[in-house]
Structure formats: structure tokens, C-alpha cells
Amino acid sequence: MGGPGDPPEGTPEGGPGGAEDEYRSVVFDESFVRAARLQESSAAERMADHAPAVRRRPALRRGLTRQVLILALLIAVAFGTALYMGVRHPYGSTPVRRSVEALRTTVVPLAPQGRVPGAADPERLFTHSPAAPFDIGAEGVPLPASRRTAHFSDSQVMTALTAVKDYIVRSSLHPEVLAGREVRPVRSLVDSGQLDQFDRSVTHPAADGRHASTGWMVRIDPARARLADDRIRAFGSLHVTEADAATLEVSADHTFVYALRPTGAASHAPASLFTVRRELTFHLDRDDLRTRQVQLTTSDVQAGPLACAEDASAYLRPLLAGQTAGTGRPAGTNPYDTDSPASVCGTLATGAQPRA
């Protein structure tokens, strides 16, 4: 016999729980009811004219508003962090001012004692000159073994030597630079603190010891001469020391020998040799090592055959096969003007010229 709460016929088929279990999955809790979008009108509301049986409830926005606030807070935190890192990060956009030394240059013309020797075959000139054992091109600018210093590692010393070699090769052997048509290959390796001086030396060259473009690079007057052989001979060395605890100093001493013909001359016209010795001093601090740029601090150039009276600040204007230096002398030197370098001219030794 069934209990008080059971139907007379007992529990329906289908297992224990009967109808209770059948509808258990559709029992709505309080939160579900509050979230319902439709709500049944009360009896009083339904008695009013035209009152609908149900009405749409306004959407609950508490959860959405909370999400918006959290998102806004996260964005504000991210923005503040980015702003803080931009100000505090050591590689931020605010540059650190560094003291960069200005370049001091000296260009000494070497005048021949007689006529400049020439030959139709440039190779013959090289073979019969002191440049015969020199290497060709960048092979003549070898890198020495790198050894750590007191404040710089092996790799930092090698980086300094490599950057200096790149500068020497581009400023002494690059065909477009030699012809006076390009300066960018050289300029891109100059420390940013020297760019104003470099640019002025190119646009307004002057024999004032600071603004000779030929102190920065070898530039042969394109109106006078062109390369007769692109196999430029080179010989020299590099030496590295510490200028101070924060700076490496690299000394370079190289001689370059070019075979030249007059501009516009036929390929069988006599060629002659033109020799340039460059003694350069470079400084590289840790920023330069990072950017692989250099500070060129001193540049002492001897070049010949040149006429002493020629202005060699913008271009080197070589004397070519069969020409002589004449009697011209460089402009006078004022010993009271301490900013003006002495005007000097040397004599190109006979042994420095190719033998006939």
C-alpha cells in the first residue's frame, strides 16, 4: 500500500523518483529566473487595458559593466608600463651625449723631380716599381691577431679592427669613392658625432686642417684622371691599444698605388702610377663597437706625383705620364695663425717611381 504522498496506483513505471526525476532537469534556480528576458505581468497589470500578458525585462548589465571596467584597467596598466619602460629602458630614444673628437688632417703633396714615367701596360709599371710585392685590393689591408686588453674582450678588439678595415677599404679602394662620385660608403661608417664635420668637408672643402675631404678618403679629380687598372696595390698594417678604459685606439699605416690614365684618353694611352700613403688614427668607444662605426681623429696623407701649388683639399689632382711639377710652391704659411696648418710640400724620391 502506498504512502500518503504516493498515488493510489503506486509509483509510476520508469524507476524510482517517477515524475519528480522526470522534471528535475528543468527546475529553475533563482539566478536563472532573475536573468530571464520575459516576465509575466501581475494580475493587477493584466486587468489594465491593453496590458500584455508578458513583458520584456531590461537586460542586466552588471556583468558586462564589470568586464568593461576590468578591460579598461588592464589597458591603463599596460599603457603605464610601456610608458615607464620607454623612459627607463637603457636603449630608449633619448640619446646620451658623448664627447667626440674632431678630425685633424694634413695632406702633403709629393712633387716629382722630373717627368712622370709612363707605359701603355699598367702591369709593367707595377712590376718595375716598389709596389711589385704589394697585395691587390683588400688583401693588402690584413687584420692582425686580436688580443684582449685590460678593459676590452677579444671579440671587442676584433670588432674594432674589422670596423677600421672596412673604413680603410671603402675610403681607399671603392671605385665610386675614388672617382669622386660617391661618399655614402664612407659616410655610413663615420660616428654620428663627426657627421657635421664630414659633410662640411665634402660640400665646402678647405685646407684648414679640419675640412679636407681628402683627409677622410682618397678622391682623384675625375676631370683629370681615371683608373687604368682596377687592381689597386696595397700594403700596410693595423695596431690596436687602449686610449683609455672606455676607448680603443687603432693606428693604421697603409700605402696604396693606383695606375691612372688621363680622363677621356684611349685605353692604349700611357698610364702612370700614383701613390698615396695614409697614416690614420681611429677611436672606438663601446657605442661605436655596437654600431660598427669609427671616429677618425688624425689623418696624415702623403700623395704624389702632385704639383705643390695644387689645392688638394677637395680632390687629389695627380700629375700624369710625361708631366712635370713645374716651379709652383704651396701658399705661404702665417705663423701667427694657430688654426691654420703649415703649408708643406715634399719631393717624390726617384726610387719611388717605376723604372723605365
Protein backbone atom coordinates (compact mmCIF):
# COMPACT_ATOMS: atom_id res chain seq x y z
CA MET A 1 0.00 0.00 0.00
CA GLY A 2 1.33 3.39 -0.95
CA GLY A 3 2.31 6.08 1.41
CA PRO A 4 0.41 9.28 2.00
CA GLY A 5 2.24 11.11 -0.72
CA ASP A 6 2.07 8.37 -3.34
CA PRO A 7 -0.64 7.98 -5.96
CA PRO A 8 -3.14 5.19 -5.34
CA GLU A 9 -1.65 3.09 -8.06
CA GLY A 10 1.83 3.46 -6.55
CA THR A 11 4.92 4.82 -8.20
CA PRO A 12 4.74 5.04 -12.00
CA GLU A 13 6.89 2.81 -14.10
CA GLY A 14 10.29 4.17 -15.04
CA GLY A 15 12.25 3.70 -11.86
CA PRO A 16 12.35 5.49 -8.55
CA GLY A 17 11.54 9.13 -8.43
CA GLY A 18 8.93 8.92 -11.16
CA ALA A 19 7.71 12.36 -12.34
CA GLU A 20 9.94 14.09 -9.83
CA ASP A 21 13.03 12.83 -11.62
CA GLU A 22 11.49 13.47 -14.98
CA TYR A 23 11.19 17.23 -14.34
CA ARG A 24 14.22 17.63 -12.11
CA SER A 25 16.36 18.90 -15.04
CA VAL A 26 14.00 21.78 -15.71
CA VAL A 27 13.82 23.19 -12.19
CA PHE A 28 14.90 26.82 -12.38
CA ASP A 29 17.01 28.35 -9.66
CA GLU A 30 16.77 31.97 -8.53
CA SER A 31 19.62 33.26 -10.69
CA PHE A 32 18.02 31.77 -13.80
CA VAL A 33 14.72 33.42 -13.02
CA ARG A 34 16.37 36.82 -12.46
CA ALA A 35 18.18 36.54 -15.77
CA ALA A 36 15.01 35.76 -17.78
CA ARG A 37 14.35 38.27 -20.53
CA LEU A 38 10.49 37.81 -20.35
CA GLN A 39 8.43 38.34 -17.20
CA GLU A 40 4.72 37.53 -16.65
CA SER A 41 2.64 40.57 -15.76
CA SER A 42 0.90 40.59 -12.40
CA ALA A 43 -2.87 40.16 -12.08
CA ALA A 44 -3.32 43.89 -11.47
CA GLU A 45 -1.23 44.68 -14.55
CA ARG A 46 -3.23 42.25 -16.71
CA MET A 47 -6.51 43.93 -15.60
CA ALA A 48 -5.33 47.20 -17.10
CA ASP A 49 -6.40 47.90 -20.64
CA HIS A 50 -4.14 46.57 -23.33
CA ALA A 51 -1.69 45.24 -20.84
CA PRO A 52 0.29 42.33 -22.40
CA ALA A 53 0.37 39.01 -20.63
CA VAL A 54 4.16 39.18 -20.52
CA ARG A 55 6.69 42.00 -20.80
CA ARG A 56 10.39 42.16 -21.76
CA ARG A 57 12.71 42.86 -18.86
CA PRO A 58 15.64 45.21 -19.30
CA ALA A 59 18.88 43.36 -19.84
CA LEU A 60 21.11 43.05 -16.83
CA ARG A 61 24.35 44.95 -17.46
CA ARG A 62 26.15 44.45 -14.21
CA GLY A 63 28.38 41.65 -15.51
CA LEU A 64 29.12 43.47 -18.79
CA THR A 65 29.93 46.71 -16.99
CA ARG A 66 32.30 44.85 -14.72
CA GLN A 67 34.08 43.31 -17.72
CA VAL A 68 34.44 46.73 -19.37
CA LEU A 69 35.94 48.18 -16.20
CA ILE A 70 38.41 45.31 -15.89
CA LEU A 71 39.41 45.66 -19.55
CA ALA A 72 39.89 49.42 -19.18
CA LEU A 73 42.01 48.84 -16.08
CA LEU A 74 44.21 46.32 -17.92
CA ILE A 75 44.71 48.73 -20.84
CA ALA A 76 45.66 51.54 -18.44
CA VAL A 77 48.18 49.30 -16.66
CA ALA A 78 49.71 48.17 -19.98
CA PHE A 79 49.99 51.75 -21.23
CA GLY A 80 51.58 52.90 -17.98
CA THR A 81 54.08 50.03 -18.09
CA ALA A 82 55.02 50.81 -21.71
CA LEU A 83 55.48 54.49 -20.86
CA TYR A 84 57.64 53.64 -17.86
CA MET A 85 59.82 51.24 -19.85
CA GLY A 86 60.23 53.78 -22.64
CA VAL A 87 61.59 56.30 -20.16
CA ARG A 88 63.69 53.93 -18.06
CA HIS A 89 64.99 51.47 -20.65
CA PRO A 90 68.73 51.98 -21.33
CA TYR A 91 68.17 51.73 -25.09
CA GLY A 92 65.39 54.30 -25.19
CA SER A 93 65.10 57.01 -27.79
CA THR A 94 66.77 59.68 -25.65
CA PRO A 95 70.39 59.81 -26.87
CA VAL A 96 73.28 60.10 -24.46
CA ARG A 97 75.56 62.96 -25.42
CA ARG A 98 79.15 61.83 -25.99
CA SER A 99 82.32 63.78 -26.47
CA VAL A 100 83.64 63.06 -29.98
CA GLU A 101 86.99 64.42 -31.07
CA ALA A 102 87.19 66.41 -34.31
CA LEU A 103 89.39 65.14 -37.14
CA ARG A 104 92.74 66.82 -37.76
CA THR A 105 94.11 66.39 -41.29
CA THR A 106 97.38 67.02 -43.10
CA VAL A 107 97.75 66.46 -46.85
CA VAL A 108 101.31 66.69 -48.16
CA PRO A 109 101.82 66.80 -51.96
CA LEU A 110 104.92 64.98 -53.23
CA ALA A 111 106.34 66.68 -56.33
CA PRO A 112 108.37 64.65 -58.87
CA GLN A 113 111.91 65.74 -59.70
CA GLY A 114 111.44 65.19 -63.43
CA ARG A 115 108.87 63.89 -65.85
CA VAL A 116 106.41 61.29 -64.61
CA PRO A 117 107.26 57.84 -66.09
CA GLY A 118 104.57 56.17 -68.16
CA ALA A 119 103.82 52.97 -70.07
CA ALA A 120 100.88 51.62 -72.06
CA ASP A 121 100.75 48.49 -69.89
CA PRO A 122 99.98 49.26 -66.21
CA GLU A 123 101.26 45.84 -65.18
CA ARG A 124 104.71 46.75 -66.46
CA LEU A 125 104.69 49.86 -64.29
CA PHE A 126 103.77 47.86 -61.19
CA THR A 127 106.40 45.20 -61.90
CA HIS A 128 109.16 47.80 -62.12
CA SER A 129 108.12 49.80 -59.06
CA PRO A 130 108.40 49.36 -55.28
CA ALA A 131 104.74 48.23 -55.38
CA ALA A 132 105.66 44.95 -57.12
CA PRO A 133 105.37 42.81 -53.93
CA PHE A 134 102.22 44.53 -52.69
CA ASP A 135 98.94 42.64 -52.43
CA ILE A 136 95.93 43.54 -54.56
CA GLY A 137 92.95 45.35 -53.08
CA ALA A 138 91.66 44.47 -49.60
CA GLU A 139 94.26 41.70 -49.33
CA GLY A 140 96.75 44.48 -48.65
CA VAL A 141 94.81 45.50 -45.52
CA PRO A 142 95.26 42.39 -43.34
CA LEU A 143 93.84 42.02 -39.86
CA PRO A 144 96.33 41.31 -37.07
CA ALA A 145 95.70 38.73 -34.39
CA SER A 146 93.27 40.14 -31.85
CA ARG A 147 94.18 40.04 -28.17
CA ARG A 148 92.07 41.23 -25.28
CA THR A 149 93.09 44.41 -23.48
CA ALA A 150 92.63 45.43 -19.87
CA HIS A 151 89.05 46.62 -20.46
CA PHE A 152 88.01 45.04 -23.78
CA SER A 153 87.49 41.40 -24.75
CA ASP A 154 88.95 39.55 -27.74
CA SER A 155 85.70 39.90 -29.66
CA GLN A 156 85.50 43.64 -28.99
CA VAL A 157 89.07 44.15 -30.20
CA MET A 158 88.30 42.14 -33.35
CA THR A 159 85.15 44.22 -33.93
CA ALA A 160 87.24 47.39 -33.72
CA LEU A 161 89.83 46.09 -36.16
CA THR A 162 87.15 44.90 -38.60
CA ALA A 163 85.34 48.26 -38.49
CA VAL A 164 88.60 50.12 -39.17
CA LYS A 165 89.49 47.79 -42.06
CA ASP A 166 86.04 48.33 -43.59
CA TYR A 167 86.57 52.08 -43.38
CA ILE A 168 90.03 51.92 -44.98
CA VAL A 169 88.84 49.65 -47.80
CA ARG A 170 85.82 51.81 -48.60
CA SER A 171 87.74 55.09 -48.39
CA SER A 172 90.80 53.92 -50.35
CA LEU A 173 89.63 51.20 -52.77
CA HIS A 174 85.94 51.75 -53.56
CA PRO A 175 85.79 52.74 -57.29
CA GLU A 176 82.90 55.21 -56.88
CA VAL A 177 84.63 56.91 -53.95
CA LEU A 178 87.94 57.13 -55.81
CA ALA A 179 86.21 58.71 -58.78
CA GLY A 180 84.57 61.36 -56.58
CA ARG A 181 81.05 60.22 -57.43
CA GLU A 182 80.06 58.74 -54.05
CA VAL A 183 80.70 59.44 -50.36
CA ARG A 184 77.94 57.33 -48.79
CA PRO A 185 80.02 54.13 -48.50
CA VAL A 186 82.44 56.08 -46.28
CA ARG A 187 79.92 58.32 -44.52
CA SER A 188 77.89 55.34 -43.27
CA LEU A 189 80.89 54.21 -41.18
CA VAL A 190 81.57 57.60 -39.55
CA ASP A 191 80.48 58.15 -35.95
CA SER A 192 77.38 60.36 -35.80
CA GLY A 193 79.28 62.94 -33.74
CA GLN A 194 81.59 63.61 -36.72
CA LEU A 195 78.99 63.72 -39.49
CA ASP A 196 78.67 67.51 -39.50
CA GLN A 197 82.42 67.85 -39.98
CA PHE A 198 82.42 65.14 -42.66
CA ASP A 199 79.56 66.75 -44.59
CA ARG A 200 81.17 70.19 -44.49
CA SER A 201 84.45 68.67 -45.70
CA VAL A 202 82.62 67.31 -48.73
CA THR A 203 80.42 70.31 -49.52
CA HIS A 204 82.90 73.07 -48.55
CA PRO A 205 86.40 71.57 -48.50
CA ALA A 206 89.19 73.76 -47.20
CA ALA A 207 92.90 73.38 -46.48
CA ASP A 208 92.41 74.39 -42.84
CA GLY A 209 93.46 71.15 -41.19
CA ARG A 210 89.87 70.16 -40.43
CA HIS A 211 87.81 70.19 -43.61
CA ALA A 212 89.81 68.47 -46.34
CA SER A 213 87.69 65.75 -47.90
CA THR A 214 90.93 64.06 -48.96
CA GLY A 215 91.68 63.56 -45.27
CA TRP A 216 88.59 61.37 -44.98
CA MET A 217 89.04 59.42 -48.23
CA VAL A 218 91.09 59.14 -51.40
CA ARG A 219 89.35 61.23 -54.09
CA ILE A 220 91.00 61.59 -57.50
CA ASP A 221 89.81 64.51 -59.60
CA PRO A 222 87.51 62.87 -62.19
CA ALA A 223 88.18 65.72 -64.62
CA ARG A 224 91.86 64.85 -64.64
CA ALA A 225 92.38 61.11 -64.29
CA ARG A 226 90.70 57.71 -64.16
CA LEU A 227 91.79 54.22 -63.14
CA ALA A 228 93.74 52.39 -65.83
CA ASP A 229 93.72 49.17 -63.79
CA ASP A 230 91.24 48.32 -61.04
CA ARG A 231 93.80 46.00 -59.37
CA ILE A 232 95.00 48.58 -56.86
CA ARG A 233 98.14 47.62 -54.95
CA ALA A 234 98.11 47.98 -51.17
CA PHE A 235 100.40 47.34 -48.24
CA GLY A 236 100.20 48.24 -44.56
CA SER A 237 99.34 47.31 -41.01
CA LEU A 238 96.93 47.90 -38.13
CA HIS A 239 97.77 48.22 -34.43
CA VAL A 240 95.31 48.43 -31.52
CA THR A 241 95.76 49.79 -27.99
CA GLU A 242 93.58 51.36 -25.31
CA ALA A 243 93.24 55.13 -25.40
CA ASP A 244 91.52 54.87 -22.01
CA ALA A 245 89.31 52.45 -20.11
CA ALA A 246 86.33 53.27 -22.35
CA THR A 247 88.03 53.68 -25.75
CA LEU A 248 90.07 51.57 -28.13
CA GLU A 249 92.61 53.28 -30.39
CA VAL A 250 93.54 51.76 -33.75
CA SER A 251 96.54 53.07 -35.68
CA ALA A 252 96.66 52.37 -39.42
CA ASP A 253 99.54 52.92 -41.84
CA HIS A 254 98.90 51.91 -45.45
CA THR A 255 100.27 52.74 -48.88
CA PHE A 256 98.07 52.48 -51.97
CA VAL A 257 99.32 52.58 -55.56
CA TYR A 258 96.94 53.40 -58.42
CA ALA A 259 97.53 53.10 -62.17
CA LEU A 260 95.97 56.14 -63.88
CA ARG A 261 95.29 57.46 -67.37
CA PRO A 262 94.04 60.91 -68.39
CA THR A 263 90.26 61.23 -68.35
CA GLY A 264 88.89 60.53 -71.83
CA ALA A 265 92.16 59.03 -73.10
CA ALA A 266 92.16 55.84 -75.15
CA SER A 267 92.93 52.54 -73.44
CA HIS A 268 96.34 52.38 -75.15
CA ALA A 269 97.39 55.82 -73.90
CA PRO A 270 100.36 55.83 -71.49
CA ALA A 271 99.47 55.11 -67.88
CA SER A 272 101.33 56.27 -64.79
CA LEU A 273 101.41 55.32 -61.12
CA PHE A 274 100.00 57.46 -58.32
CA THR A 275 100.96 56.66 -54.72
CA VAL A 276 99.05 57.61 -51.56
CA ARG A 277 100.26 56.88 -48.05
CA ARG A 278 97.65 57.22 -45.31
CA GLU A 279 98.53 57.27 -41.62
CA LEU A 280 95.23 57.26 -39.74
CA THR A 281 94.24 57.11 -36.07
CA PHE A 282 90.81 55.86 -35.02
CA HIS A 283 88.97 55.89 -31.71
CA LEU A 284 86.13 53.48 -30.97
CA ASP A 285 84.10 53.58 -27.78
CA ARG A 286 81.53 50.97 -26.78
CA ASP A 287 78.78 52.68 -28.77
CA ASP A 288 80.99 52.57 -31.88
CA LEU A 289 81.63 48.87 -31.31
CA ARG A 290 77.87 48.31 -31.14
CA THR A 291 77.14 50.28 -34.35
CA ARG A 292 80.40 49.23 -36.10
CA GLN A 293 81.33 52.85 -36.79
CA VAL A 294 84.58 54.75 -36.21
CA GLN A 295 85.87 58.11 -35.06
CA LEU A 296 88.71 59.22 -37.34
CA THR A 297 90.81 61.53 -35.18
CA THR A 298 94.00 62.15 -37.22
CA SER A 299 94.72 61.75 -40.92
CA ASP A 300 98.20 62.34 -42.33
CA VAL A 301 98.32 61.88 -46.10
CA GLN A 302 101.27 61.97 -48.48
CA ALA A 303 100.46 61.70 -52.17
CA GLY A 304 102.36 62.01 -55.43
CA PRO A 305 103.22 62.84 -58.02
CA LEU A 306 101.39 66.12 -57.32
CA ALA A 307 102.18 69.75 -58.02
CA CYS A 308 102.91 71.67 -54.85
CA ALA A 309 100.69 74.58 -55.87
CA GLU A 310 97.61 72.39 -56.29
CA ASP A 311 94.85 72.64 -53.68
CA ALA A 312 94.42 69.04 -52.51
CA SER A 313 91.59 69.65 -50.03
CA ALA A 314 88.74 68.67 -52.38
CA TYR A 315 90.46 66.28 -54.80
CA LEU A 316 93.89 64.84 -55.44
CA ARG A 317 94.98 66.06 -58.89
CA PRO A 318 97.80 63.75 -59.97
CA LEU A 319 100.49 64.58 -62.47
CA LEU A 320 100.26 62.01 -65.25
CA ALA A 321 102.67 60.34 -67.65
CA GLY A 322 105.11 62.85 -69.19
CA GLN A 323 104.08 65.78 -66.95
CA THR A 324 106.32 67.74 -64.59
CA ALA A 325 105.70 69.57 -61.33
CA GLY A 326 106.79 72.98 -62.63
CA THR A 327 108.01 75.63 -60.23
CA GLY A 328 104.85 76.28 -58.25
CA ARG A 329 105.04 76.26 -54.46
CA PRO A 330 102.24 75.98 -51.93
CA ALA A 331 100.64 79.10 -50.48
CA GLY A 332 102.54 80.86 -47.71
CA THR A 333 102.07 79.95 -44.08
CA ASN A 334 101.15 82.53 -41.44
CA PRO A 335 102.94 81.54 -38.19
CA TYR A 336 100.61 83.83 -36.20
CA ASP A 337 97.51 81.91 -37.30
CA THR A 338 97.45 78.94 -34.93
CA ASP A 339 94.32 77.50 -36.56
CA SER A 340 95.94 77.24 -39.97
CA PRO A 341 98.19 74.22 -40.65
CA ALA A 342 101.60 74.74 -42.17
CA SER A 343 101.63 74.60 -45.97
CA VAL A 344 104.13 71.89 -46.80
CA CYS A 345 105.27 70.13 -49.93
CA GLY A 346 107.64 67.20 -50.24
CA THR A 347 109.76 65.80 -53.02
CA LEU A 348 108.88 62.44 -54.51
CA ALA A 349 112.07 60.38 -54.46
CA THR A 350 113.28 58.99 -57.74
CA GLY A 351 113.26 55.49 -56.25
CA ALA A 352 109.54 55.76 -55.61
CA GLN A 353 108.83 55.99 -59.35
CA PRO A 354 108.74 52.96 -61.67
CA ARG A 355 111.92 52.26 -63.60
CA ALA A 356 111.78 52.77 -67.34
